[in-house]
């Protein structure tokens, strides 16, 4: 039973450092999904983009959830950092800005680089703003040399 929007709309968010971040959004403002359930914010892995989450977004949206799949800075259609700031801390600052603009608690789903970012976001945001954290293909430590 489809109760939500299966095709996303494109939305722009303000990131840290004045960057514009692009996202796909299902069941956005004014939809029934803006009820009591937390929104779902999905963060992709390095070298990927928001389209990595398309099927997942559709499935969650079909269950009536508000879903946002974000292009991280320097990925997809989001702005590139003019000073090449792509640290986990910079990605975290962007995600915190997006959560603020969503304006409600989120369930955070992060894959690989997005999962590492998600751990830091959840810690900094606290349990009132990030109610759950789902990690996909994340290691506790990574070697920069490969």
N, C-alpha and C. Protein backbone atom coordinates (compact mmCIF):
# COMPACT_ATOMS: atom_id res chain seq x y z
N UNK A 1 0.84 -1.18 0.00
CA UNK A 1 0.00 0.00 0.00
C UNK A 1 0.88 1.24 0.00
N UNK A 2 0.76 2.05 -1.02
CA UNK A 2 1.53 3.28 -1.11
C UNK A 2 0.78 4.41 -0.43
N UNK A 3 1.37 4.94 0.62
CA UNK A 3 0.74 6.05 1.32
C UNK A 3 1.56 7.32 1.21
N UNK A 4 2.70 7.25 0.52
CA UNK A 4 3.57 8.42 0.43
C UNK A 4 3.98 8.71 -1.00
N UNK A 5 4.73 9.78 -1.15
CA UNK A 5 5.22 10.25 -2.43
C UNK A 5 6.38 9.37 -2.89
N UNK A 6 6.27 8.76 -4.07
CA UNK A 6 7.32 7.86 -4.54
C UNK A 6 8.40 8.56 -5.35
N UNK A 7 8.10 9.70 -5.94
CA UNK A 7 9.11 10.47 -6.66
C UNK A 7 9.51 11.66 -5.81
N UNK A 8 10.80 11.86 -5.63
CA UNK A 8 11.24 12.96 -4.77
C UNK A 8 11.15 14.31 -5.45
N UNK A 9 11.17 15.34 -4.64
CA UNK A 9 11.36 16.70 -5.14
C UNK A 9 12.79 17.10 -4.78
N UNK A 10 13.34 18.01 -5.53
CA UNK A 10 14.69 18.50 -5.25
C UNK A 10 14.57 19.68 -4.29
N UNK A 11 15.41 19.67 -3.28
CA UNK A 11 15.39 20.74 -2.28
C UNK A 11 16.81 21.22 -2.04
N UNK A 12 16.93 22.49 -1.78
CA UNK A 12 18.24 23.08 -1.46
C UNK A 12 18.27 23.47 0.01
N UNK A 13 19.39 23.14 0.65
CA UNK A 13 19.62 23.50 2.05
C UNK A 13 20.85 24.38 2.12
N UNK A 14 20.91 25.17 3.16
CA UNK A 14 22.10 25.98 3.45
C UNK A 14 23.03 25.12 4.30
N UNK A 15 24.25 24.94 3.83
CA UNK A 15 25.25 24.21 4.61
C UNK A 15 26.12 25.19 5.37
N UNK A 16 27.09 24.66 6.09
CA UNK A 16 28.03 25.54 6.77
C UNK A 16 28.92 26.20 5.71
N UNK A 17 29.61 27.23 6.09
CA UNK A 17 30.50 27.96 5.18
C UNK A 17 29.75 28.58 3.99
N UNK A 18 28.42 28.72 4.12
CA UNK A 18 27.63 29.35 3.06
C UNK A 18 27.40 28.49 1.83
N UNK A 19 27.73 27.21 1.90
CA UNK A 19 27.55 26.33 0.74
C UNK A 19 26.07 25.97 0.57
N UNK A 20 25.68 25.71 -0.67
CA UNK A 20 24.35 25.21 -0.97
C UNK A 20 24.45 23.70 -1.14
N UNK A 21 23.61 22.98 -0.40
CA UNK A 21 23.56 21.53 -0.46
C UNK A 21 22.24 21.11 -1.09
N UNK A 22 22.30 20.17 -2.00
CA UNK A 22 21.12 19.71 -2.73
C UNK A 22 20.69 18.35 -2.18
N UNK A 23 19.39 18.15 -2.12
CA UNK A 23 18.85 16.89 -1.59
C UNK A 23 17.63 16.47 -2.38
N UNK A 24 17.33 15.19 -2.31
CA UNK A 24 16.03 14.67 -2.74
C UNK A 24 15.17 14.56 -1.50
N UNK A 25 13.91 14.95 -1.61
CA UNK A 25 13.01 14.92 -0.46
C UNK A 25 11.70 14.25 -0.87
N UNK A 26 11.27 13.35 -0.03
CA UNK A 26 9.99 12.69 -0.19
C UNK A 26 9.09 13.12 0.96
N UNK A 27 7.81 13.31 0.67
CA UNK A 27 6.81 13.65 1.70
C UNK A 27 7.23 14.89 2.48
N UNK A 28 7.52 15.96 1.76
CA UNK A 28 8.00 17.20 2.37
C UNK A 28 6.91 18.01 3.03
N UNK A 29 7.18 19.30 3.16
CA UNK A 29 6.30 20.22 3.88
C UNK A 29 4.85 20.09 3.41
N UNK A 30 3.97 20.07 4.37
CA UNK A 30 2.54 20.00 4.09
C UNK A 30 2.00 18.60 3.90
N UNK A 31 2.87 17.60 3.89
CA UNK A 31 2.38 16.23 3.73
C UNK A 31 2.00 15.64 5.08
N UNK A 32 1.28 14.55 5.03
CA UNK A 32 0.89 13.85 6.26
C UNK A 32 2.11 13.36 7.02
N UNK A 33 3.24 13.18 6.33
CA UNK A 33 4.46 12.67 6.97
C UNK A 33 5.05 13.68 7.95
N UNK A 34 4.58 14.90 7.93
CA UNK A 34 5.10 15.90 8.84
C UNK A 34 4.44 15.81 10.21
N UNK A 35 3.94 14.63 10.55
CA UNK A 35 3.28 14.38 11.83
C UNK A 35 4.27 14.15 12.95
N UNK A 36 4.02 13.15 13.76
CA UNK A 36 4.82 12.93 14.98
C UNK A 36 6.08 12.09 14.77
N UNK A 37 6.19 11.37 13.65
CA UNK A 37 7.37 10.54 13.40
C UNK A 37 8.57 11.42 13.07
N UNK A 38 9.78 11.00 13.47
CA UNK A 38 10.97 11.76 13.07
C UNK A 38 11.15 11.69 11.55
N UNK A 39 11.82 12.67 11.01
CA UNK A 39 12.22 12.63 9.61
C UNK A 39 13.40 11.66 9.49
N UNK A 40 13.68 11.23 8.27
CA UNK A 40 14.83 10.37 7.99
C UNK A 40 15.79 11.18 7.14
N UNK A 41 17.04 11.31 7.60
CA UNK A 41 18.10 11.99 6.85
C UNK A 41 19.13 10.95 6.46
N UNK A 42 19.40 10.83 5.16
CA UNK A 42 20.34 9.82 4.67
C UNK A 42 21.59 10.48 4.11
N UNK A 43 22.75 10.00 4.58
CA UNK A 43 24.06 10.51 4.18
C UNK A 43 24.81 9.43 3.42
N UNK A 44 25.22 9.72 2.20
CA UNK A 44 25.87 8.74 1.32
C UNK A 44 27.36 8.58 1.64
N UNK A 45 27.97 7.62 0.98
CA UNK A 45 29.40 7.37 1.12
C UNK A 45 30.22 8.24 0.20
N UNK A 46 31.54 8.23 0.40
CA UNK A 46 32.46 9.01 -0.43
C UNK A 46 32.38 8.58 -1.88
N UNK A 47 32.41 9.55 -2.77
CA UNK A 47 32.33 9.27 -4.19
C UNK A 47 30.93 8.91 -4.68
N UNK A 48 29.95 8.93 -3.77
CA UNK A 48 28.56 8.64 -4.15
C UNK A 48 27.77 9.95 -4.12
N UNK A 49 26.47 9.85 -4.24
CA UNK A 49 25.61 11.02 -4.13
C UNK A 49 24.24 10.59 -3.65
N UNK A 50 23.30 11.52 -3.60
CA UNK A 50 21.97 11.26 -3.05
C UNK A 50 21.23 10.15 -3.80
N UNK A 51 21.57 9.94 -5.07
CA UNK A 51 20.87 8.93 -5.85
C UNK A 51 21.17 7.51 -5.36
N UNK A 52 22.23 7.35 -4.57
CA UNK A 52 22.53 6.05 -3.97
C UNK A 52 21.40 5.59 -3.06
N UNK A 53 20.60 6.54 -2.57
CA UNK A 53 19.52 6.24 -1.63
C UNK A 53 18.14 6.21 -2.27
N UNK A 54 18.05 6.28 -3.60
CA UNK A 54 16.74 6.41 -4.26
C UNK A 54 15.75 5.32 -3.84
N UNK A 55 16.13 4.06 -3.99
CA UNK A 55 15.21 2.95 -3.65
C UNK A 55 14.85 2.98 -2.17
N UNK A 56 15.85 3.22 -1.31
CA UNK A 56 15.59 3.28 0.13
C UNK A 56 14.63 4.42 0.42
N UNK A 57 14.86 5.57 -0.20
CA UNK A 57 13.97 6.72 -0.01
C UNK A 57 12.55 6.41 -0.43
N UNK A 58 12.39 5.73 -1.56
CA UNK A 58 11.05 5.37 -2.04
C UNK A 58 10.35 4.42 -1.07
N UNK A 59 11.09 3.43 -0.59
CA UNK A 59 10.50 2.46 0.34
C UNK A 59 10.05 3.14 1.63
N UNK A 60 10.92 3.98 2.20
CA UNK A 60 10.56 4.67 3.44
C UNK A 60 9.41 5.65 3.20
N UNK A 61 9.45 6.35 2.07
CA UNK A 61 8.38 7.30 1.75
C UNK A 61 7.05 6.58 1.55
N UNK A 62 7.09 5.39 0.97
CA UNK A 62 5.84 4.64 0.75
C UNK A 62 5.19 4.24 2.06
N UNK A 63 5.98 4.26 3.12
CA UNK A 63 5.46 3.98 4.47
C UNK A 63 5.04 5.26 5.18
N UNK A 64 5.05 6.36 4.43
CA UNK A 64 4.55 7.62 4.95
C UNK A 64 5.57 8.48 5.68
N UNK A 65 6.85 8.13 5.61
CA UNK A 65 7.86 8.90 6.32
C UNK A 65 8.36 10.08 5.49
N UNK A 66 8.76 11.14 6.18
CA UNK A 66 9.45 12.26 5.54
C UNK A 66 10.91 11.88 5.41
N UNK A 67 11.45 11.92 4.19
CA UNK A 67 12.79 11.42 3.91
C UNK A 67 13.59 12.47 3.14
N UNK A 68 14.84 12.66 3.55
CA UNK A 68 15.77 13.57 2.85
C UNK A 68 17.05 12.80 2.57
N UNK A 69 17.44 12.74 1.29
CA UNK A 69 18.72 12.14 0.87
C UNK A 69 19.60 13.29 0.40
N UNK A 70 20.67 13.54 1.13
CA UNK A 70 21.50 14.73 0.93
C UNK A 70 22.73 14.45 0.08
N UNK A 71 23.04 15.35 -0.84
CA UNK A 71 24.34 15.35 -1.51
C UNK A 71 25.30 16.08 -0.59
N UNK A 72 26.34 15.42 -0.12
CA UNK A 72 27.34 16.07 0.72
C UNK A 72 28.12 17.09 -0.11
N UNK A 73 28.72 18.04 0.56
CA UNK A 73 29.55 19.03 -0.13
C UNK A 73 30.55 18.33 -1.04
N UNK A 74 30.71 18.88 -2.24
CA UNK A 74 31.66 18.30 -3.18
C UNK A 74 31.17 17.05 -3.89
N UNK A 75 29.93 16.67 -3.66
CA UNK A 75 29.34 15.47 -4.27
C UNK A 75 28.04 15.86 -4.97
N UNK A 76 27.71 15.13 -6.03
CA UNK A 76 26.44 15.36 -6.71
C UNK A 76 26.29 16.81 -7.12
N UNK A 77 25.13 17.38 -6.80
CA UNK A 77 24.81 18.75 -7.21
C UNK A 77 25.10 19.79 -6.13
N UNK A 78 25.64 19.37 -5.00
CA UNK A 78 25.98 20.33 -3.94
C UNK A 78 27.24 21.10 -4.30
N UNK A 79 27.37 22.28 -3.68
CA UNK A 79 28.53 23.13 -3.92
C UNK A 79 29.83 22.43 -3.52
N UNK A 80 30.88 22.77 -4.23
CA UNK A 80 32.23 22.35 -3.86
C UNK A 80 32.75 23.34 -2.83
N UNK A 81 33.60 22.90 -1.95
CA UNK A 81 34.20 23.78 -0.97
C UNK A 81 35.33 24.56 -1.63
N UNK A 82 35.27 25.90 -1.65
CA UNK A 82 36.32 26.68 -2.32
C UNK A 82 37.69 26.53 -1.68
N UNK A 83 37.72 26.18 -0.40
CA UNK A 83 39.02 25.98 0.28
C UNK A 83 39.31 24.50 0.53
N UNK A 84 38.63 23.62 -0.22
CA UNK A 84 38.85 22.16 -0.15
C UNK A 84 38.70 21.61 1.27
N UNK A 85 37.68 22.09 1.98
CA UNK A 85 37.41 21.62 3.34
C UNK A 85 36.40 20.47 3.25
N UNK A 86 36.91 19.23 3.32
CA UNK A 86 36.07 18.04 3.21
C UNK A 86 36.27 17.09 4.39
N UNK A 87 36.63 17.62 5.52
CA UNK A 87 36.84 16.80 6.71
C UNK A 87 35.50 16.28 7.24
N UNK A 88 35.57 15.26 8.07
CA UNK A 88 34.37 14.74 8.72
C UNK A 88 33.72 15.86 9.54
N UNK A 89 34.53 16.72 10.15
CA UNK A 89 33.99 17.83 10.94
C UNK A 89 33.20 18.81 10.07
N UNK A 90 33.69 19.08 8.85
CA UNK A 90 32.98 19.98 7.94
C UNK A 90 31.68 19.34 7.47
N UNK A 91 31.72 18.04 7.16
CA UNK A 91 30.50 17.32 6.75
C UNK A 91 29.49 17.29 7.90
N UNK A 92 29.98 17.14 9.11
CA UNK A 92 29.13 17.15 10.29
C UNK A 92 28.45 18.51 10.44
N UNK A 93 29.22 19.59 10.29
CA UNK A 93 28.65 20.93 10.41
C UNK A 93 27.55 21.14 9.39
N UNK A 94 27.74 20.63 8.17
CA UNK A 94 26.70 20.71 7.14
C UNK A 94 25.44 19.96 7.57
N UNK A 95 25.61 18.74 8.04
CA UNK A 95 24.46 17.92 8.44
C UNK A 95 23.70 18.57 9.60
N UNK A 96 24.42 19.16 10.55
CA UNK A 96 23.76 19.84 11.67
C UNK A 96 22.93 21.02 11.16
N UNK A 97 23.45 21.74 10.17
CA UNK A 97 22.69 22.85 9.56
C UNK A 97 21.41 22.32 8.89
N UNK A 98 21.54 21.20 8.19
CA UNK A 98 20.38 20.61 7.50
C UNK A 98 19.34 20.16 8.52
N UNK A 99 19.77 19.52 9.59
CA UNK A 99 18.83 19.08 10.63
C UNK A 99 18.08 20.29 11.21
N UNK A 100 18.80 21.37 11.41
CA UNK A 100 18.18 22.59 11.92
C UNK A 100 17.09 23.08 10.96
N UNK A 101 17.37 23.01 9.66
CA UNK A 101 16.40 23.47 8.66
C UNK A 101 15.23 22.50 8.50
N UNK A 102 15.48 21.22 8.70
CA UNK A 102 14.36 20.26 8.69
C UNK A 102 13.40 20.61 9.82
N UNK A 103 13.96 21.02 10.95
CA UNK A 103 13.15 21.56 12.03
C UNK A 103 12.44 20.56 12.91
N UNK A 104 12.92 19.35 12.90
CA UNK A 104 12.33 18.30 13.73
C UNK A 104 13.36 17.21 13.95
N UNK A 105 13.16 16.30 14.90
CA UNK A 105 14.12 15.21 15.11
C UNK A 105 14.26 14.35 13.87
N UNK A 106 15.43 13.73 13.74
CA UNK A 106 15.69 12.87 12.59
C UNK A 106 16.21 11.51 13.03
N UNK A 107 15.94 10.53 12.20
CA UNK A 107 16.64 9.25 12.22
C UNK A 107 17.72 9.43 11.17
N UNK A 108 18.96 9.21 11.54
CA UNK A 108 20.08 9.42 10.64
C UNK A 108 20.57 8.09 10.13
N UNK A 109 20.66 7.95 8.79
CA UNK A 109 21.20 6.75 8.16
C UNK A 109 22.44 7.17 7.39
N UNK A 110 23.58 6.56 7.69
CA UNK A 110 24.81 6.92 7.02
C UNK A 110 25.57 5.71 6.53
N UNK A 111 26.04 5.80 5.29
CA UNK A 111 26.85 4.73 4.70
C UNK A 111 28.29 5.19 4.58
N UNK A 112 29.22 4.36 5.03
CA UNK A 112 30.65 4.61 4.89
C UNK A 112 30.99 6.01 5.41
N UNK A 113 31.45 6.93 4.54
CA UNK A 113 31.78 8.28 4.96
C UNK A 113 30.58 8.94 5.64
N UNK A 114 29.38 8.69 5.13
CA UNK A 114 28.17 9.23 5.74
C UNK A 114 27.92 8.66 7.12
N UNK A 115 28.33 7.42 7.34
CA UNK A 115 28.19 6.80 8.66
C UNK A 115 29.16 7.41 9.66
N UNK A 116 30.41 7.62 9.22
CA UNK A 116 31.37 8.28 10.10
C UNK A 116 30.89 9.69 10.46
N UNK A 117 30.37 10.39 9.46
CA UNK A 117 29.79 11.71 9.70
C UNK A 117 28.63 11.60 10.68
N UNK A 118 27.78 10.61 10.47
CA UNK A 118 26.60 10.41 11.31
C UNK A 118 26.94 10.19 12.77
N UNK A 119 28.03 9.48 13.05
CA UNK A 119 28.43 9.25 14.44
C UNK A 119 28.71 10.59 15.12
N UNK A 120 29.45 11.45 14.44
CA UNK A 120 29.79 12.75 15.00
C UNK A 120 28.55 13.64 15.10
N UNK A 121 27.69 13.60 14.10
CA UNK A 121 26.46 14.39 14.11
C UNK A 121 25.59 13.99 15.29
N UNK A 122 25.40 12.69 15.48
CA UNK A 122 24.55 12.20 16.57
C UNK A 122 25.09 12.64 17.92
N UNK A 123 26.41 12.58 18.06
CA UNK A 123 27.04 12.98 19.33
C UNK A 123 26.82 14.47 19.59
N UNK A 124 27.05 15.29 18.55
CA UNK A 124 26.94 16.73 18.74
C UNK A 124 25.49 17.20 18.84
N UNK A 125 24.60 16.57 18.09
CA UNK A 125 23.20 16.98 18.10
C UNK A 125 22.47 16.53 19.35
N UNK A 126 22.84 15.36 19.87
CA UNK A 126 22.16 14.82 21.03
C UNK A 126 20.91 14.04 20.67
N UNK A 127 20.40 13.24 21.63
CA UNK A 127 19.29 12.32 21.35
C UNK A 127 17.95 13.01 21.10
N UNK A 128 17.82 14.27 21.44
CA UNK A 128 16.56 14.96 21.15
C UNK A 128 16.47 15.31 19.67
N UNK A 129 17.61 15.51 19.01
CA UNK A 129 17.61 15.89 17.59
C UNK A 129 17.90 14.72 16.66
N UNK A 130 18.73 13.76 17.11
CA UNK A 130 18.98 12.52 16.35
C UNK A 130 18.49 11.39 17.22
N UNK A 131 17.31 10.88 16.89
CA UNK A 131 16.67 9.88 17.75
C UNK A 131 17.21 8.47 17.55
N UNK A 132 17.72 8.20 16.33
CA UNK A 132 18.31 6.90 16.01
C UNK A 132 19.41 7.11 15.00
N UNK A 133 20.39 6.20 15.01
CA UNK A 133 21.49 6.25 14.07
C UNK A 133 21.66 4.86 13.47
N UNK A 134 21.60 4.79 12.14
CA UNK A 134 21.79 3.53 11.42
C UNK A 134 23.08 3.65 10.63
N UNK A 135 24.01 2.71 10.85
CA UNK A 135 25.30 2.73 10.17
C UNK A 135 25.36 1.61 9.15
N UNK A 136 25.81 1.94 7.94
CA UNK A 136 25.92 0.99 6.84
C UNK A 136 27.36 0.99 6.36
N UNK A 137 28.05 -0.16 6.44
CA UNK A 137 29.40 -0.30 5.91
C UNK A 137 30.35 0.74 6.49
N UNK A 138 30.43 0.77 7.82
CA UNK A 138 31.28 1.74 8.52
C UNK A 138 32.32 0.98 9.34
N UNK A 139 33.55 1.47 9.32
CA UNK A 139 34.61 0.90 10.15
C UNK A 139 34.92 1.87 11.28
N UNK A 140 35.38 1.33 12.43
CA UNK A 140 35.66 2.23 13.56
C UNK A 140 36.88 3.11 13.34
N UNK A 141 37.81 2.66 12.52
CA UNK A 141 39.01 3.43 12.17
C UNK A 141 39.29 3.18 10.70
N UNK A 142 39.84 4.17 10.04
CA UNK A 142 40.23 3.95 8.67
C UNK A 142 41.66 4.44 8.46
N UNK A 143 42.33 3.81 7.53
CA UNK A 143 43.70 4.18 7.21
C UNK A 143 43.67 5.12 6.01
N UNK A 144 44.19 6.32 6.17
CA UNK A 144 44.18 7.29 5.09
C UNK A 144 44.99 6.82 3.89
N UNK A 145 45.98 5.94 4.12
CA UNK A 145 46.80 5.45 3.03
C UNK A 145 46.16 4.29 2.26
N UNK A 146 44.99 3.83 2.71
CA UNK A 146 44.29 2.78 2.00
C UNK A 146 44.38 1.44 2.67
